[in-house]
């Protein structure tokens, strides 16, 4: 500094700005963790989802609509769902290489259409899931 002292008001304002920035960062981190936790609950079925098999009006029992049923374990009939398998460009179901983002995941869950515009098999349920649920599920899958 050129010999002048910083005014106390400027020092207080700078401290306030820094405090607000730290609070915003902490809030964003908390919301990200909360979203991943909500996504894990959806994936594991602890928070049930309404789902139907394409062409059927009757919803599946909540226990049958859990993602974990088909995408986990030695008997998995669906692909593993994680950052590598979703966000990397891969050829799926005979289509061209494509990658998922949150919007593509939501479209797949709701309509059964993947990012390459390939229809997934009818056995994959179609879910009634809102934007927040999709974002939470996406956050969880990206953290795996």
N, C-alpha and C. Protein backbone atom coordinates (compact mmCIF):
# COMPACT_ATOMS: atom_id res chain seq x y z
N UNK A 1 0.84 -1.18 0.00
CA UNK A 1 0.00 0.00 0.00
C UNK A 1 0.88 1.23 0.00
N UNK A 2 0.34 2.30 -0.41
CA UNK A 2 1.14 3.52 -0.54
C UNK A 2 1.06 4.38 0.72
N UNK A 3 1.12 3.79 1.88
CA UNK A 3 1.14 4.52 3.13
C UNK A 3 -0.24 4.83 3.68
N UNK A 4 -1.27 4.59 2.92
CA UNK A 4 -2.62 4.86 3.40
C UNK A 4 -3.18 3.60 4.03
N UNK A 5 -3.97 3.79 5.04
CA UNK A 5 -4.63 2.67 5.70
C UNK A 5 -5.97 2.42 5.03
N UNK A 6 -6.34 1.17 4.98
CA UNK A 6 -7.64 0.78 4.42
C UNK A 6 -8.72 1.20 5.42
N UNK A 7 -9.80 1.75 4.92
CA UNK A 7 -10.87 2.18 5.82
C UNK A 7 -11.53 0.96 6.45
N UNK A 8 -11.97 1.07 7.71
CA UNK A 8 -12.64 -0.07 8.37
C UNK A 8 -13.88 -0.54 7.59
N UNK A 9 -14.56 0.37 6.94
CA UNK A 9 -15.76 0.01 6.18
C UNK A 9 -15.41 -0.92 5.01
N UNK A 10 -14.30 -0.63 4.34
CA UNK A 10 -13.86 -1.48 3.23
C UNK A 10 -13.44 -2.85 3.76
N UNK A 11 -12.77 -2.88 4.88
CA UNK A 11 -12.35 -4.14 5.48
C UNK A 11 -13.57 -4.98 5.86
N UNK A 12 -14.59 -4.35 6.45
CA UNK A 12 -15.82 -5.06 6.83
C UNK A 12 -16.54 -5.56 5.59
N UNK A 13 -16.62 -4.73 4.55
CA UNK A 13 -17.30 -5.14 3.31
C UNK A 13 -16.57 -6.31 2.67
N UNK A 14 -15.27 -6.28 2.65
CA UNK A 14 -14.50 -7.39 2.06
C UNK A 14 -14.72 -8.67 2.86
N UNK A 15 -14.76 -8.56 4.17
CA UNK A 15 -15.01 -9.73 5.02
C UNK A 15 -16.42 -10.27 4.79
N UNK A 16 -17.38 -9.37 4.62
CA UNK A 16 -18.77 -9.80 4.37
C UNK A 16 -18.87 -10.53 3.03
N UNK A 17 -18.22 -10.01 2.01
CA UNK A 17 -18.23 -10.66 0.69
C UNK A 17 -17.60 -12.05 0.78
N UNK A 18 -16.50 -12.15 1.49
CA UNK A 18 -15.84 -13.46 1.65
C UNK A 18 -16.74 -14.42 2.41
N UNK A 19 -17.42 -13.94 3.44
CA UNK A 19 -18.32 -14.79 4.22
C UNK A 19 -19.49 -15.28 3.37
N UNK A 20 -20.04 -14.40 2.55
CA UNK A 20 -21.16 -14.79 1.67
C UNK A 20 -20.69 -15.83 0.65
N UNK A 21 -19.50 -15.65 0.11
CA UNK A 21 -18.97 -16.61 -0.86
C UNK A 21 -18.75 -17.97 -0.20
N UNK A 22 -18.24 -17.98 1.03
CA UNK A 22 -18.03 -19.26 1.73
C UNK A 22 -19.37 -19.91 2.05
N UNK A 23 -20.36 -19.13 2.44
CA UNK A 23 -21.69 -19.66 2.73
C UNK A 23 -22.31 -20.25 1.46
N UNK A 24 -22.16 -19.57 0.33
CA UNK A 24 -22.70 -20.06 -0.94
C UNK A 24 -22.03 -21.38 -1.33
N UNK A 25 -20.73 -21.47 -1.16
CA UNK A 25 -20.01 -22.71 -1.49
C UNK A 25 -20.45 -23.85 -0.58
N UNK A 26 -20.61 -23.56 0.71
CA UNK A 26 -21.05 -24.59 1.65
C UNK A 26 -22.47 -25.04 1.33
N UNK A 27 -23.33 -24.10 0.97
CA UNK A 27 -24.71 -24.44 0.61
C UNK A 27 -24.74 -25.30 -0.64
N UNK A 28 -23.94 -24.96 -1.64
CA UNK A 28 -23.89 -25.75 -2.87
C UNK A 28 -23.39 -27.16 -2.58
N UNK A 29 -22.39 -27.30 -1.73
CA UNK A 29 -21.88 -28.62 -1.38
C UNK A 29 -22.94 -29.43 -0.64
N UNK A 30 -23.64 -28.78 0.27
CA UNK A 30 -24.71 -29.47 1.02
C UNK A 30 -25.81 -29.94 0.08
N UNK A 31 -26.24 -29.06 -0.84
CA UNK A 31 -27.30 -29.43 -1.78
C UNK A 31 -26.87 -30.56 -2.70
N UNK A 32 -25.59 -30.57 -3.10
CA UNK A 32 -25.09 -31.67 -3.94
C UNK A 32 -25.13 -32.99 -3.17
N UNK A 33 -24.72 -32.97 -1.92
CA UNK A 33 -24.78 -34.18 -1.10
C UNK A 33 -26.22 -34.63 -0.89
N UNK A 34 -27.09 -33.68 -0.64
CA UNK A 34 -28.50 -33.99 -0.44
C UNK A 34 -29.09 -34.60 -1.71
N UNK A 35 -28.75 -34.04 -2.87
CA UNK A 35 -29.22 -34.58 -4.15
C UNK A 35 -28.74 -36.00 -4.39
N UNK A 36 -27.46 -36.25 -4.09
CA UNK A 36 -26.93 -37.61 -4.26
C UNK A 36 -27.62 -38.58 -3.32
N UNK A 37 -27.91 -38.14 -2.10
CA UNK A 37 -28.60 -39.01 -1.13
C UNK A 37 -30.02 -39.31 -1.61
N UNK A 38 -30.69 -38.31 -2.14
CA UNK A 38 -32.04 -38.53 -2.68
C UNK A 38 -31.97 -39.46 -3.88
N UNK A 39 -30.97 -39.28 -4.74
CA UNK A 39 -30.80 -40.15 -5.89
C UNK A 39 -30.52 -41.58 -5.48
N UNK A 40 -29.71 -41.77 -4.44
CA UNK A 40 -29.43 -43.13 -3.95
C UNK A 40 -30.70 -43.77 -3.43
N UNK A 41 -31.54 -43.00 -2.75
CA UNK A 41 -32.81 -43.53 -2.23
C UNK A 41 -33.72 -43.96 -3.37
N UNK A 42 -33.74 -43.19 -4.45
CA UNK A 42 -34.55 -43.56 -5.63
C UNK A 42 -33.98 -44.83 -6.27
N UNK A 43 -32.68 -44.87 -6.47
CA UNK A 43 -32.02 -45.99 -7.13
C UNK A 43 -32.24 -47.29 -6.36
N UNK A 44 -32.13 -47.21 -5.04
CA UNK A 44 -32.23 -48.40 -4.20
C UNK A 44 -33.67 -48.76 -3.83
N UNK A 45 -34.60 -47.87 -4.14
CA UNK A 45 -36.00 -48.15 -3.85
C UNK A 45 -36.45 -47.73 -2.46
N UNK A 46 -35.58 -47.06 -1.71
CA UNK A 46 -36.00 -46.57 -0.39
C UNK A 46 -36.98 -45.42 -0.54
N UNK A 47 -36.93 -44.75 -1.66
CA UNK A 47 -37.92 -43.76 -2.04
C UNK A 47 -38.57 -44.32 -3.31
N UNK A 48 -39.79 -44.83 -3.21
CA UNK A 48 -40.38 -45.54 -4.34
C UNK A 48 -40.68 -44.64 -5.54
N UNK A 49 -40.61 -45.25 -6.70
CA UNK A 49 -40.96 -44.60 -7.95
C UNK A 49 -42.16 -45.30 -8.56
N UNK A 50 -43.01 -44.53 -9.22
CA UNK A 50 -44.12 -45.11 -9.96
C UNK A 50 -43.59 -45.45 -11.35
N UNK A 51 -43.80 -46.69 -11.76
CA UNK A 51 -43.30 -47.15 -13.05
C UNK A 51 -44.28 -48.12 -13.67
N UNK A 52 -44.26 -48.16 -14.99
CA UNK A 52 -45.10 -49.09 -15.74
C UNK A 52 -44.26 -49.74 -16.83
N UNK A 53 -44.62 -50.96 -17.16
CA UNK A 53 -44.03 -51.60 -18.33
C UNK A 53 -44.74 -51.00 -19.53
N UNK A 54 -43.99 -50.68 -20.56
CA UNK A 54 -44.56 -50.06 -21.75
C UNK A 54 -45.74 -50.87 -22.28
N UNK A 55 -46.85 -50.19 -22.54
CA UNK A 55 -48.03 -50.85 -23.05
C UNK A 55 -49.00 -51.33 -21.98
N UNK A 56 -48.63 -51.18 -20.72
CA UNK A 56 -49.48 -51.62 -19.61
C UNK A 56 -49.90 -50.39 -18.79
N UNK A 57 -51.16 -50.37 -18.38
CA UNK A 57 -51.65 -49.24 -17.60
C UNK A 57 -51.41 -49.40 -16.12
N UNK A 58 -51.33 -50.64 -15.64
CA UNK A 58 -51.18 -50.90 -14.22
C UNK A 58 -49.75 -50.60 -13.78
N UNK A 59 -49.57 -49.78 -12.74
CA UNK A 59 -48.20 -49.54 -12.25
C UNK A 59 -47.59 -50.82 -11.66
N UNK A 60 -46.29 -50.91 -11.74
CA UNK A 60 -45.57 -52.02 -11.12
C UNK A 60 -45.58 -51.84 -9.60
N UNK A 61 -45.52 -52.94 -8.87
CA UNK A 61 -45.32 -52.79 -7.42
C UNK A 61 -44.01 -52.04 -7.18
N UNK A 62 -43.96 -51.20 -6.17
CA UNK A 62 -42.78 -50.38 -5.91
C UNK A 62 -41.50 -51.22 -5.83
N UNK A 63 -41.58 -52.39 -5.23
CA UNK A 63 -40.39 -53.23 -5.10
C UNK A 63 -39.88 -53.71 -6.46
N UNK A 64 -40.77 -53.83 -7.43
CA UNK A 64 -40.36 -54.29 -8.77
C UNK A 64 -39.80 -53.15 -9.61
N UNK A 65 -40.03 -51.91 -9.20
CA UNK A 65 -39.60 -50.76 -10.00
C UNK A 65 -38.24 -50.21 -9.57
N UNK A 66 -37.58 -50.86 -8.63
CA UNK A 66 -36.28 -50.37 -8.14
C UNK A 66 -35.20 -50.55 -9.20
N UNK A 67 -34.42 -49.53 -9.44
CA UNK A 67 -33.32 -49.60 -10.41
C UNK A 67 -32.34 -50.71 -10.04
N UNK A 68 -32.08 -50.83 -8.77
CA UNK A 68 -31.09 -51.78 -8.26
C UNK A 68 -31.43 -53.23 -8.64
N UNK A 69 -32.71 -53.52 -8.85
CA UNK A 69 -33.12 -54.90 -9.19
C UNK A 69 -32.44 -55.39 -10.46
N UNK A 70 -32.35 -54.53 -11.45
CA UNK A 70 -31.85 -54.95 -12.76
C UNK A 70 -30.43 -54.49 -13.07
N UNK A 71 -29.93 -53.51 -12.31
CA UNK A 71 -28.64 -52.92 -12.65
C UNK A 71 -27.54 -53.21 -11.64
N UNK A 72 -27.78 -54.13 -10.69
CA UNK A 72 -26.77 -54.46 -9.68
C UNK A 72 -26.65 -55.96 -9.52
N UNK A 73 -25.50 -56.39 -9.08
CA UNK A 73 -25.30 -57.78 -8.69
C UNK A 73 -24.98 -58.73 -9.82
N UNK A 74 -24.71 -59.96 -9.44
CA UNK A 74 -24.31 -60.99 -10.39
C UNK A 74 -25.41 -61.35 -11.37
N UNK A 75 -26.66 -61.18 -10.98
CA UNK A 75 -27.80 -61.52 -11.84
C UNK A 75 -28.35 -60.31 -12.60
N UNK A 76 -27.59 -59.22 -12.68
CA UNK A 76 -28.05 -58.00 -13.35
C UNK A 76 -28.39 -58.28 -14.81
N UNK A 77 -29.54 -57.79 -15.24
CA UNK A 77 -29.93 -57.95 -16.65
C UNK A 77 -29.77 -56.64 -17.41
N UNK A 78 -29.57 -55.54 -16.69
CA UNK A 78 -29.32 -54.24 -17.31
C UNK A 78 -27.87 -53.85 -17.12
N UNK A 79 -27.41 -52.86 -17.86
CA UNK A 79 -26.01 -52.44 -17.74
C UNK A 79 -25.73 -51.78 -16.39
N UNK A 80 -24.48 -51.81 -15.99
CA UNK A 80 -24.06 -51.08 -14.79
C UNK A 80 -24.29 -49.60 -15.04
N UNK A 81 -24.72 -48.90 -14.02
CA UNK A 81 -25.01 -47.47 -14.15
C UNK A 81 -24.03 -46.69 -13.28
N UNK A 82 -23.08 -46.04 -13.94
CA UNK A 82 -22.11 -45.22 -13.24
C UNK A 82 -21.57 -44.18 -14.21
N UNK A 83 -20.69 -43.33 -13.73
CA UNK A 83 -20.17 -42.25 -14.57
C UNK A 83 -19.52 -42.79 -15.85
N UNK A 84 -18.74 -43.86 -15.72
CA UNK A 84 -18.04 -44.40 -16.89
C UNK A 84 -19.00 -44.92 -17.95
N UNK A 85 -20.02 -45.65 -17.52
CA UNK A 85 -20.93 -46.27 -18.50
C UNK A 85 -21.96 -45.29 -19.05
N UNK A 86 -22.20 -44.20 -18.36
CA UNK A 86 -23.22 -43.25 -18.81
C UNK A 86 -22.64 -42.04 -19.55
N UNK A 87 -21.58 -41.46 -19.01
CA UNK A 87 -21.08 -40.20 -19.56
C UNK A 87 -20.06 -40.37 -20.68
N UNK A 88 -19.56 -41.58 -20.88
CA UNK A 88 -18.61 -41.83 -21.96
C UNK A 88 -19.36 -42.22 -23.23
N UNK A 89 -18.89 -41.80 -24.40
CA UNK A 89 -19.57 -42.21 -25.63
C UNK A 89 -19.41 -43.71 -25.87
N UNK A 90 -20.51 -44.41 -25.86
CA UNK A 90 -20.53 -45.86 -26.08
C UNK A 90 -21.65 -46.20 -27.04
N UNK A 91 -21.44 -47.24 -27.85
CA UNK A 91 -22.52 -47.76 -28.70
C UNK A 91 -23.41 -48.62 -27.82
N UNK A 92 -24.70 -48.37 -27.89
CA UNK A 92 -25.67 -49.11 -27.08
C UNK A 92 -26.79 -49.62 -27.96
N UNK A 93 -27.21 -50.85 -27.72
CA UNK A 93 -28.38 -51.42 -28.41
C UNK A 93 -28.31 -51.25 -29.93
N UNK A 94 -27.13 -51.37 -30.49
CA UNK A 94 -26.97 -51.30 -31.94
C UNK A 94 -26.96 -49.90 -32.51
N UNK A 95 -27.06 -48.88 -31.67
CA UNK A 95 -27.05 -47.49 -32.15
C UNK A 95 -25.64 -46.95 -32.21
N UNK A 96 -25.50 -45.72 -32.68
CA UNK A 96 -24.18 -45.08 -32.72
C UNK A 96 -23.72 -44.72 -31.30
N UNK A 97 -22.43 -44.46 -31.14
CA UNK A 97 -21.96 -44.05 -29.81
C UNK A 97 -22.72 -42.82 -29.31
N UNK A 98 -23.08 -42.87 -28.05
CA UNK A 98 -23.78 -41.75 -27.43
C UNK A 98 -23.40 -41.70 -25.97
N UNK A 99 -23.67 -40.56 -25.37
CA UNK A 99 -23.40 -40.40 -23.95
C UNK A 99 -24.63 -39.79 -23.30
N UNK A 100 -24.81 -40.09 -22.04
CA UNK A 100 -25.92 -39.54 -21.28
C UNK A 100 -25.53 -38.26 -20.58
N UNK A 101 -26.51 -37.43 -20.37
CA UNK A 101 -26.45 -36.33 -19.42
C UNK A 101 -27.77 -36.42 -18.65
N UNK A 102 -28.01 -35.48 -17.74
CA UNK A 102 -29.21 -35.57 -16.92
C UNK A 102 -30.48 -35.55 -17.77
N UNK A 103 -30.52 -34.71 -18.79
CA UNK A 103 -31.72 -34.62 -19.64
C UNK A 103 -31.95 -35.92 -20.41
N UNK A 104 -30.87 -36.53 -20.91
CA UNK A 104 -31.01 -37.79 -21.64
C UNK A 104 -31.47 -38.92 -20.72
N UNK A 105 -30.96 -38.93 -19.48
CA UNK A 105 -31.41 -39.93 -18.52
C UNK A 105 -32.90 -39.76 -18.25
N UNK A 106 -33.34 -38.53 -18.07
CA UNK A 106 -34.77 -38.27 -17.81
C UNK A 106 -35.62 -38.75 -18.98
N UNK A 107 -35.18 -38.49 -20.20
CA UNK A 107 -35.94 -38.94 -21.38
C UNK A 107 -36.01 -40.47 -21.42
N UNK A 108 -34.90 -41.11 -21.13
CA UNK A 108 -34.89 -42.57 -21.11
C UNK A 108 -35.87 -43.10 -20.07
N UNK A 109 -35.82 -42.54 -18.86
CA UNK A 109 -36.69 -43.03 -17.79
C UNK A 109 -38.17 -42.80 -18.11
N UNK A 110 -38.48 -41.66 -18.69
CA UNK A 110 -39.88 -41.31 -18.94
C UNK A 110 -40.43 -41.93 -20.22
N UNK A 111 -39.61 -41.93 -21.29
CA UNK A 111 -40.10 -42.32 -22.61
C UNK A 111 -39.49 -43.61 -23.15
N UNK A 112 -38.39 -44.05 -22.56
CA UNK A 112 -37.74 -45.26 -23.05
C UNK A 112 -36.88 -45.04 -24.28
N UNK A 113 -36.43 -43.80 -24.48
CA UNK A 113 -35.60 -43.47 -25.66
C UNK A 113 -34.23 -43.02 -25.18
N UNK A 114 -33.18 -43.66 -25.69
CA UNK A 114 -31.83 -43.34 -25.25
C UNK A 114 -31.28 -42.13 -26.01
N UNK A 115 -30.05 -41.66 -25.67
CA UNK A 115 -29.50 -40.47 -26.31
C UNK A 115 -29.28 -40.58 -27.82
N UNK A 116 -29.19 -41.81 -28.34
CA UNK A 116 -29.03 -42.01 -29.78
C UNK A 116 -30.40 -42.21 -30.45
N UNK A 117 -31.47 -41.94 -29.71
CA UNK A 117 -32.85 -42.09 -30.19
C UNK A 117 -33.22 -43.54 -30.46
N UNK A 118 -32.58 -44.46 -29.74
CA UNK A 118 -32.89 -45.88 -29.84
C UNK A 118 -33.85 -46.22 -28.70
N UNK A 119 -34.92 -46.91 -29.03
CA UNK A 119 -35.90 -47.33 -28.03
C UNK A 119 -35.33 -48.50 -27.22
N UNK A 120 -35.42 -48.40 -25.90
CA UNK A 120 -34.94 -49.49 -25.04
C UNK A 120 -36.00 -50.59 -25.02
N UNK A 121 -35.63 -51.80 -24.63
CA UNK A 121 -36.60 -52.89 -24.60
C UNK A 121 -37.80 -52.57 -23.69
N UNK A 122 -38.93 -53.18 -24.01
CA UNK A 122 -40.16 -52.95 -23.24
C UNK A 122 -40.00 -53.35 -21.78
N UNK A 123 -39.12 -54.29 -21.49
CA UNK A 123 -38.94 -54.73 -20.11
C UNK A 123 -38.42 -53.62 -19.20
N UNK A 124 -37.77 -52.61 -19.79
CA UNK A 124 -37.30 -51.46 -19.01
C UNK A 124 -38.52 -50.60 -18.71
N UNK A 125 -38.87 -50.46 -17.42
CA UNK A 125 -40.07 -49.67 -17.09
C UNK A 125 -39.94 -48.21 -17.52
N UNK A 126 -41.08 -47.60 -17.70
CA UNK A 126 -41.16 -46.15 -17.94
C UNK A 126 -41.60 -45.54 -16.62
N UNK A 127 -40.87 -44.54 -16.17
CA UNK A 127 -41.06 -43.99 -14.83
C UNK A 127 -41.78 -42.64 -14.86
N UNK A 128 -42.56 -42.42 -13.83
CA UNK A 128 -43.13 -41.10 -13.57
C UNK A 128 -42.17 -40.43 -12.60
N UNK A 129 -41.28 -39.63 -13.13
CA UNK A 129 -40.25 -38.99 -12.30
C UNK A 129 -40.14 -37.54 -12.71
N UNK A 130 -40.10 -36.65 -11.72
CA UNK A 130 -40.02 -35.23 -12.02
C UNK A 130 -38.57 -34.81 -12.25
N UNK A 131 -38.39 -33.56 -12.62
CA UNK A 131 -37.05 -33.06 -12.92
C UNK A 131 -36.10 -33.15 -11.74
N UNK A 132 -36.61 -32.85 -10.55
CA UNK A 132 -35.76 -32.92 -9.35
C UNK A 132 -35.30 -34.36 -9.12
N UNK A 133 -36.22 -35.31 -9.26
CA UNK A 133 -35.86 -36.71 -9.08
C UNK A 133 -34.82 -37.16 -10.09
N UNK A 134 -35.01 -36.75 -11.35
CA UNK A 134 -34.03 -37.09 -12.40
C UNK A 134 -32.66 -36.52 -12.07
N UNK A 135 -32.62 -35.26 -11.68
CA UNK A 135 -31.35 -34.62 -11.34
C UNK A 135 -30.68 -35.33 -10.17
N UNK A 136 -31.48 -35.71 -9.16
CA UNK A 136 -30.93 -36.40 -8.00
C UNK A 136 -30.39 -37.78 -8.40
N UNK A 137 -31.14 -38.50 -9.21
CA UNK A 137 -30.68 -39.82 -9.66
C UNK A 137 -29.41 -39.67 -10.49
N UNK A 138 -29.37 -38.69 -11.37
CA UNK A 138 -28.18 -38.44 -12.17
C UNK A 138 -26.97 -38.14 -11.26
N UNK A 139 -27.16 -37.29 -10.25
CA UNK A 139 -26.07 -36.96 -9.34
C UNK A 139 -25.56 -38.22 -8.63
N UNK A 140 -26.48 -39.06 -8.22
CA UNK A 140 -26.07 -40.31 -7.55
C UNK A 140 -25.27 -41.20 -8.52
N UNK A 141 -25.77 -41.38 -9.72
CA UNK A 141 -25.09 -42.26 -10.68
C UNK A 141 -23.72 -41.72 -11.05
N UNK A 142 -23.57 -40.42 -11.12
CA UNK A 142 -22.27 -39.82 -11.44
C UNK A 142 -21.27 -39.98 -10.30
N UNK A 143 -21.76 -40.22 -9.09
CA UNK A 143 -20.86 -40.35 -7.94
C UNK A 143 -20.42 -41.81 -7.73
N UNK A 144 -20.92 -42.73 -8.54
CA UNK A 144 -20.60 -44.16 -8.36
C UNK A 144 -19.35 -44.53 -9.12
